Amino acid sequence: MPETVTGYMCATDWEFELGEAAGGNIVYASVADAKEHRKCLDGCGIVEVKVTFSRVIEKGNRWIDQLEPNPEGK
């Protein structure tokens, strides 16, 4: 699993709500996917974001063990 993933989201959500919205914000896998699900994008615009894995806060399902970063931080 990659440590950094590129995504796309509403520019208004990025500018004003990311980290503040109680229900969270959606990051889409492609521009086309964002446009299909968010009708506001003609007015709001679209931003490309990078989501970087930092650390596991709570282990859930057993597959989460694969996400532990190695000691060298790579």
C-alpha atoms as a PDB file:
ATOM      1  CA  MET A   1       0.000   0.000   0.000  1.00  0.00           C
ATOM      2  CA  PRO A   2       1.454   3.414  -0.949  1.00  0.00           C
ATOM      3  CA  GLU A   3       2.274   5.912   1.791  1.00  0.00           C
ATOM      4  CA  THR A   4       0.914   8.846  -0.259  1.00  0.00           C
ATOM      5  CA  VAL A   5      -2.197   8.834  -2.446  1.00  0.00           C
ATOM      6  CA  THR A   6      -3.367  11.570  -4.836  1.00  0.00           C
ATOM      7  CA  GLY A   7      -7.025  12.532  -4.670  1.00  0.00           C
ATOM      8  CA  TYR A   8      -9.398  15.256  -5.808  1.00  0.00           C
ATOM      9  CA  MET A   9     -11.926  17.272  -3.859  1.00  0.00           C
ATOM     10  CA  CYS A  10     -14.169  20.312  -3.925  1.00  0.00           C
ATOM     11  CA  ALA A  11     -12.046  23.461  -3.603  1.00  0.00           C
ATOM     12  CA  THR A  12     -14.532  25.016  -1.144  1.00  0.00           C
ATOM     13  CA  ASP A  13     -14.319  21.939   1.089  1.00  0.00           C
ATOM     14  CA  TRP A  14     -10.522  22.197   0.957  1.00  0.00           C
ATOM     15  CA  GLU A  15     -10.441  25.910   1.669  1.00  0.00           C
ATOM     16  CA  PHE A  16     -13.045  26.164   4.407  1.00  0.00           C
ATOM     17  CA  GLU A  17     -14.048  22.765   5.769  1.00  0.00           C
ATOM     18  CA  LEU A  18     -11.167  20.284   5.744  1.00  0.00           C
ATOM     19  CA  GLY A  19     -10.532  19.374   9.349  1.00  0.00           C
ATOM     20  CA  GLU A  20     -13.585  21.320  10.512  1.00  0.00           C
ATOM     21  CA  ALA A  21     -16.566  19.498   9.020  1.00  0.00           C
ATOM     22  CA  ALA A  22     -18.239  17.226  11.588  1.00  0.00           C
ATOM     23  CA  GLY A  23     -19.194  14.712   8.894  1.00  0.00           C
ATOM     24  CA  GLY A  24     -15.815  14.793   7.177  1.00  0.00           C
ATOM     25  CA  ASN A  25     -14.966  15.533   3.570  1.00  0.00           C
ATOM     26  CA  ILE A  26     -14.822  13.199   0.605  1.00  0.00           C
ATOM     27  CA  VAL A  27     -11.624  12.815  -1.408  1.00  0.00           C
ATOM     28  CA  TYR A  28     -12.285  11.261  -4.810  1.00  0.00           C
ATOM     29  CA  ALA A  29      -9.979   8.940  -6.742  1.00  0.00           C
ATOM     30  CA  SER A  30     -10.325  10.868 -10.011  1.00  0.00           C
ATOM     31  CA  VAL A  31     -11.534  14.178 -11.388  1.00  0.00           C
ATOM     32  CA  ALA A  32     -14.243  12.317 -13.307  1.00  0.00           C
ATOM     33  CA  ASP A  33     -15.457  10.627 -10.108  1.00  0.00           C
ATOM     34  CA  ALA A  34     -15.563  13.979  -8.298  1.00  0.00           C
ATOM     35  CA  LYS A  35     -17.542  15.582 -11.135  1.00  0.00           C
ATOM     36  CA  GLU A  36     -20.000  12.669 -11.189  1.00  0.00           C
ATOM     37  CA  HIS A  37     -20.788  12.954  -7.476  1.00  0.00           C
ATOM     38  CA  ARG A  38     -20.415  16.689  -6.746  1.00  0.00           C
ATOM     39  CA  LYS A  39     -22.569  18.972  -8.855  1.00  0.00           C
ATOM     40  CA  CYS A  40     -21.099  22.107  -7.203  1.00  0.00           C
ATOM     41  CA  LEU A  41     -17.680  21.784  -8.842  1.00  0.00           C
ATOM     42  CA  ASP A  42     -18.429  24.081 -11.781  1.00  0.00           C
ATOM     43  CA  GLY A  43     -18.740  26.906  -9.254  1.00  0.00           C
ATOM     44  CA  CYS A  44     -16.410  25.695  -6.500  1.00  0.00           C
ATOM     45  CA  GLY A  45     -13.559  24.265  -8.532  1.00  0.00           C
ATOM     46  CA  ILE A  46     -11.493  21.140  -7.925  1.00  0.00           C
ATOM     47  CA  VAL A  47      -8.219  20.763  -6.041  1.00  0.00           C
ATOM     48  CA  GLU A  48      -5.726  17.916  -6.170  1.00  0.00           C
ATOM     49  CA  VAL A  49      -4.633  16.739  -2.731  1.00  0.00           C
ATOM     50  CA  LYS A  50      -2.063  14.314  -1.376  1.00  0.00           C
ATOM     51  CA  VAL A  51      -3.111  12.084   1.507  1.00  0.00           C
ATOM     52  CA  THR A  52      -0.127  10.745   3.431  1.00  0.00           C
ATOM     53  CA  PHE A  53      -0.196   7.855   5.873  1.00  0.00           C
ATOM     54  CA  SER A  54       1.244   8.930   9.203  1.00  0.00           C
ATOM     55  CA  ARG A  55       0.546   6.279  11.843  1.00  0.00           C
ATOM     56  CA  VAL A  56      -2.011   3.813  13.147  1.00  0.00           C
ATOM     57  CA  ILE A  57      -4.087   5.309  15.973  1.00  0.00           C
ATOM     58  CA  GLU A  58      -6.197   2.227  16.702  1.00  0.00           C
ATOM     59  CA  LYS A  59      -5.689  -1.189  15.183  1.00  0.00           C
ATOM     60  CA  GLY A  60      -8.857  -2.594  13.711  1.00  0.00           C
ATOM     61  CA  ASN A  61      -8.998  -5.491  11.310  1.00  0.00           C
ATOM     62  CA  ARG A  62      -5.907  -7.664  11.071  1.00  0.00           C
ATOM     63  CA  TRP A  63      -4.948  -6.237   7.631  1.00  0.00           C
ATOM     64  CA  ILE A  64      -4.061  -2.946   9.319  1.00  0.00           C
ATOM     65  CA  ASP A  65      -0.731  -4.512  10.388  1.00  0.00           C
ATOM     66  CA  GLN A  66       0.389  -4.075   6.782  1.00  0.00           C
ATOM     67  CA  LEU A  67       0.180  -0.294   7.232  1.00  0.00           C
ATOM     68  CA  GLU A  68       2.831  -0.053   9.940  1.00  0.00           C
ATOM     69  CA  PRO A  69       5.729   2.039   8.565  1.00  0.00           C
ATOM     70  CA  ASN A  70       9.142   0.419   8.687  1.00  0.00           C
ATOM     71  CA  PRO A  71      11.790   1.681  11.165  1.00  0.00           C
ATOM     72  CA  GLU A  72      13.583   3.709   8.456  1.00  0.00           C
ATOM     73  CA  GLY A  73      10.357   5.629   7.803  1.00  0.00           C
ATOM     74  CA  LYS A  74      10.077   4.385   4.221  1.00  0.00           C
END
